[in-house]
C-alpha atoms as a PDB file:
ATOM      1  CA  MET A   1       0.068   0.072   0.004  1.00  0.00           C
ATOM      2  CA  PRO A   2       1.821   3.379  -1.162  1.00  0.00           C
ATOM      3  CA  VAL A   3       1.481   5.656   1.906  1.00  0.00           C
ATOM      4  CA  ASP A   4       1.730   9.371   1.813  1.00  0.00           C
ATOM      5  CA  ALA A   5       3.500  12.113   3.833  1.00  0.00           C
ATOM      6  CA  ILE A   6       2.800  15.625   4.689  1.00  0.00           C
ATOM      7  CA  GLY A   7       4.065  17.395   1.653  1.00  0.00           C
ATOM      8  CA  GLY A   8       5.694  13.786  -0.010  1.00  0.00           C
ATOM      9  CA  VAL A   9       5.046  13.464  -3.451  1.00  0.00           C
ATOM     10  CA  VAL A  10       1.952  11.128  -5.175  1.00  0.00           C
ATOM     11  CA  ASN A  11       3.359   7.949  -6.270  1.00  0.00           C
ATOM     12  CA  PRO A  12      -0.072   6.032  -7.337  1.00  0.00           C
ATOM     13  CA  GLN A  13       0.767   2.130  -7.495  1.00  0.00           C
ATOM     14  CA  ASP A  14      -0.930  -0.499  -8.398  1.00  0.00           C
ATOM     15  CA  ALA A  15      -0.882  -3.770  -4.896  1.00  0.00           C
ATOM     16  CA  THR A  16      -2.649  -5.800  -7.093  1.00  0.00           C
ATOM     17  CA  LEU A  17       0.694  -5.802  -8.738  1.00  0.00           C
ATOM     18  CA  THR A  18       2.842  -6.679  -6.386  1.00  0.00           C
ATOM     19  CA  GLN A  19       0.575  -9.200  -4.459  1.00  0.00           C
ATOM     20  CA  ASN A  20       0.754 -11.263  -7.251  1.00  0.00           C
ATOM     21  CA  ASN A  21       4.396 -11.745  -7.428  1.00  0.00           C
ATOM     22  CA  THR A  22       5.046 -13.223  -4.145  1.00  0.00           C
ATOM     23  CA  ILE A  23       6.027 -16.615  -3.587  1.00  0.00           C
ATOM     24  CA  ASP A  24       5.084 -17.522   0.304  1.00  0.00           C
ATOM     25  CA  GLN A  25       6.693 -21.142   1.726  1.00  0.00           C
ATOM     26  CA  GLU A  26       4.002 -23.325   1.378  1.00  0.00           C
ATOM     27  CA  ASP A  27       3.914 -22.472  -2.319  1.00  0.00           C
ATOM     28  CA  PHE A  28       8.131 -23.283  -1.772  1.00  0.00           C
ATOM     29  CA  ILE A  29       7.502 -26.074  -0.624  1.00  0.00           C
ATOM     30  CA  LYS A  30       5.704 -27.701  -3.267  1.00  0.00           C
ATOM     31  CA  LEU A  31       8.036 -26.378  -5.254  1.00  0.00           C
ATOM     32  CA  PHE A  32      10.715 -27.841  -3.247  1.00  0.00           C
ATOM     33  CA  LEU A  33       9.027 -31.703  -3.222  1.00  0.00           C
ATOM     34  CA  ALA A  34       8.110 -31.059  -7.290  1.00  0.00           C
ATOM     35  CA  GLN A  35      11.715 -30.851  -8.048  1.00  0.00           C
ATOM     36  CA  LEU A  36      12.161 -33.814  -5.829  1.00  0.00           C
ATOM     37  CA  GLN A  37      10.119 -36.182  -7.137  1.00  0.00           C
ATOM     38  CA  PHE A  38      10.755 -34.864 -10.848  1.00  0.00           C
ATOM     39  CA  GLN A  39      14.289 -35.083 -10.370  1.00  0.00           C
ATOM     40  CA  ASP A  40      16.564 -37.537 -13.331  1.00  0.00           C
ATOM     41  CA  PRO A  41      17.592 -41.094 -10.997  1.00  0.00           C
ATOM     42  CA  LEU A  42      20.698 -41.158 -12.599  1.00  0.00           C
ATOM     43  CA  GLU A  43      21.542 -37.897 -12.460  1.00  0.00           C
ATOM     44  CA  PRO A  44      19.904 -36.594  -9.037  1.00  0.00           C
ATOM     45  CA  VAL A  45      20.107 -32.954  -7.448  1.00  0.00           C
ATOM     46  CA  ASP A  46      23.656 -32.504  -5.227  1.00  0.00           C
ATOM     47  CA  ASN A  47      22.291 -32.207  -1.421  1.00  0.00           C
ATOM     48  CA  ARG A  48      24.291 -28.906  -2.018  1.00  0.00           C
ATOM     49  CA  GLU A  49      22.114 -27.192  -4.226  1.00  0.00           C
ATOM     50  CA  PHE A  50      18.560 -27.872  -2.168  1.00  0.00           C
ATOM     51  CA  LEU A  51      20.467 -26.497   0.786  1.00  0.00           C
ATOM     52  CA  ALA A  52      21.730 -23.482  -1.078  1.00  0.00           C
ATOM     53  CA  GLN A  53      17.985 -22.888  -2.521  1.00  0.00           C
ATOM     54  CA  LEU A  54      16.562 -23.612   0.921  1.00  0.00           C
ATOM     55  CA  ALA A  55      19.124 -20.394   1.942  1.00  0.00           C
ATOM     56  CA  GLN A  56      17.751 -18.473  -0.738  1.00  0.00           C
ATOM     57  CA  PHE A  57      14.171 -18.771   0.178  1.00  0.00           C
ATOM     58  CA  THR A  58      14.502 -18.212   3.989  1.00  0.00           C
ATOM     59  CA  ALA A  59      16.611 -15.056   3.075  1.00  0.00           C
ATOM     60  CA  LEU A  60      13.787 -13.607   0.339  1.00  0.00           C
ATOM     61  CA  GLU A  61      11.052 -14.662   3.358  1.00  0.00           C
ATOM     62  CA  GLN A  62      13.121 -12.607   5.615  1.00  0.00           C
ATOM     63  CA  SER A  63      13.136 -10.092   3.167  1.00  0.00           C
ATOM     64  CA  ARG A  64       9.551  -9.660   2.742  1.00  0.00           C
ATOM     65  CA  GLN A  65       8.710  -9.774   6.241  1.00  0.00           C
ATOM     66  CA  THR A  66      10.940  -6.844   6.739  1.00  0.00           C
ATOM     67  CA  SER A  67       9.579  -4.861   3.797  1.00  0.00           C
ATOM     68  CA  GLN A  68       6.232  -5.805   4.631  1.00  0.00           C
ATOM     69  CA  ASN A  69       7.011  -4.476   8.503  1.00  0.00           C
ATOM     70  CA  THR A  70       8.642  -0.677   7.098  1.00  0.00           C
ATOM     71  CA  ASN A  71       4.839  -0.594   5.170  1.00  0.00           C
ATOM     72  CA  ASP A  72       3.048  -1.218   8.352  1.00  0.00           C
ATOM     73  CA  LEU A  73       5.885   1.545  10.322  1.00  0.00           C
ATOM     74  CA  LEU A  74       4.961   4.012   7.213  1.00  0.00           C
ATOM     75  CA  SER A  75       0.935   3.168   7.232  1.00  0.00           C
ATOM     76  CA  MET A  76       0.931   4.254  11.008  1.00  0.00           C
ATOM     77  CA  ASN A  77       3.398   6.780  10.566  1.00  0.00           C
ATOM     78  CA  ALA A  78       0.683   8.192   7.988  1.00  0.00           C
ATOM     79  CA  THR A  79      -1.576   7.843  10.508  1.00  0.00           C
ATOM     80  CA  SER A  80      -0.450   9.476  13.187  1.00  0.00           C
ATOM     81  CA  GLN A  81       0.659  12.536  10.452  1.00  0.00           C
ATOM     82  CA  ALA A  82      -2.927  12.865   9.593  1.00  0.00           C
ATOM     83  CA  ILE A  83      -4.379  12.961  12.956  1.00  0.00           C
ATOM     84  CA  ALA A  84      -2.214  15.370  14.496  1.00  0.00           C
ATOM     85  CA  LEU A  85      -3.286  17.639  11.771  1.00  0.00           C
ATOM     86  CA  LEU A  86      -7.030  17.354  13.260  1.00  0.00           C
ATOM     87  CA  ASN A  87      -7.966  21.164  13.999  1.00  0.00           C
ATOM     88  CA  ARG A  88      -5.059  22.717  12.593  1.00  0.00           C
ATOM     89  CA  GLN A  89      -4.829  25.556   9.938  1.00  0.00           C
ATOM     90  CA  VAL A  90      -3.021  23.955   6.405  1.00  0.00           C
ATOM     91  CA  ASP A  91      -2.361  24.860   2.825  1.00  0.00           C
ATOM     92  CA  VAL A  92      -3.687  22.654  -0.142  1.00  0.00           C
ATOM     93  CA  ALA A  93      -2.174  22.352  -3.175  1.00  0.00           C
ATOM     94  CA  GLY A  94      -3.079  20.265  -6.000  1.00  0.00           C
ATOM     95  CA  MET A  95      -6.689  20.897  -5.954  1.00  0.00           C
ATOM     96  CA  GLY A  96      -7.032  23.450  -8.842  1.00  0.00           C
ATOM     97  CA  VAL A  97      -7.149  26.487  -6.449  1.00  0.00           C
ATOM     98  CA  PRO A  98      -4.650  27.200  -3.681  1.00  0.00           C
ATOM     99  CA  LEU A  99      -6.901  26.295  -0.864  1.00  0.00           C
ATOM    100  CA  SER A 100      -6.110  27.370   3.316  1.00  0.00           C
ATOM    101  CA  GLY A 101      -8.463  26.167   6.201  1.00  0.00           C
ATOM    102  CA  THR A 102      -8.731  23.805   9.116  1.00  0.00           C
ATOM    103  CA  VAL A 103      -8.440  20.550   8.875  1.00  0.00           C
ATOM    104  CA  ILE A 104     -11.741  19.102  10.673  1.00  0.00           C
ATOM    105  CA  ALA A 105     -11.922  15.336  10.255  1.00  0.00           C
ATOM    106  CA  VAL A 106      -9.390  12.354   9.311  1.00  0.00           C
ATOM    107  CA  GLN A 107     -10.615   9.342   6.662  1.00  0.00           C
ATOM    108  CA  PHE A 108      -8.950   6.147   6.602  1.00  0.00           C
ATOM    109  CA  THR A 109      -9.295   4.607   2.685  1.00  0.00           C
ATOM    110  CA  THR A 110      -6.725   1.691   1.667  1.00  0.00           C
ATOM    111  CA  SER A 111      -5.325   4.220  -0.105  1.00  0.00           C
ATOM    112  CA  GLY A 112      -4.303   5.883   3.083  1.00  0.00           C
ATOM    113  CA  PRO A 113      -5.830   8.612   5.513  1.00  0.00           C
ATOM    114  CA  GLN A 114      -7.271  11.887   3.944  1.00  0.00           C
ATOM    115  CA  ILE A 115      -8.547  15.094   5.712  1.00  0.00           C
ATOM    116  CA  SER A 116     -11.359  17.429   5.259  1.00  0.00           C
ATOM    117  CA  VAL A 117     -10.302  20.876   5.158  1.00  0.00           C
ATOM    118  CA  ARG A 118     -12.859  23.672   5.722  1.00  0.00           C
ATOM    119  CA  ASP A 119     -11.965  26.841   4.223  1.00  0.00           C
ATOM    120  CA  SER A 120     -12.671  30.754   5.236  1.00  0.00           C
ATOM    121  CA  GLU A 121     -16.129  30.359   3.436  1.00  0.00           C
ATOM    122  CA  ASP A 122     -16.907  27.181   5.478  1.00  0.00           C
ATOM    123  CA  GLN A 123     -17.089  24.893   2.925  1.00  0.00           C
ATOM    124  CA  VAL A 124     -15.700  21.194   3.273  1.00  0.00           C
ATOM    125  CA  ILE A 125     -13.277  19.592   0.478  1.00  0.00           C
ATOM    126  CA  THR A 126     -12.868  16.219   1.630  1.00  0.00           C
ATOM    127  CA  GLY A 127     -10.648  13.352   0.194  1.00  0.00           C
ATOM    128  CA  VAL A 128      -7.349  16.067   0.198  1.00  0.00           C
ATOM    129  CA  ARG A 129      -4.133  13.852   0.370  1.00  0.00           C
ATOM    130  CA  LEU A 130      -1.168  14.214   2.556  1.00  0.00           C
ATOM    131  CA  SER A 131       0.875  14.664  -0.026  1.00  0.00           C
ATOM    132  CA  GLN A 132      -1.137  17.634  -1.054  1.00  0.00           C
ATOM    133  CA  VAL A 133      -0.500  19.642   2.301  1.00  0.00           C
ATOM    134  CA  THR A 134       2.473  21.948   1.626  1.00  0.00           C
ATOM    135  CA  LEU A 135       2.278  24.033   5.042  1.00  0.00           C
ATOM    136  CA  VAL A 136       0.594  23.646   8.516  1.00  0.00           C
ATOM    137  CA  LYS A 137       0.382  26.581  10.781  1.00  0.00           C
ATOM    138  CA  PRO A 138       0.632  26.603  14.207  1.00  0.00           C
END
């Protein structure tokens, strides 16, 4: 899940593409057993090759877990940033015209938190991403 930070660059990314490219431990074991089952009995695969594959998969799985933990931390950070903006004056870009107002609500969506801003004319603009916030006033 892409996560925006205040003043960050919007980076839309399709999360379904990254989910289809993963292999979990169960899939690896199935592949490993199929390789054992269909190996040439006259030229069996060396045990060192199997151990090397297992070590590679273990390293890959640890890397995947680290990546997931990093994504979770980024999500928590974006949530904290959005909540900290409640009742604060902000300037927002990317809405066609410059916008300034008070953050009155935070909505949590699958693409990250979005804020609602009430401007000086009492109009409420919803769906503002954190990356669109350019200035937070005290």
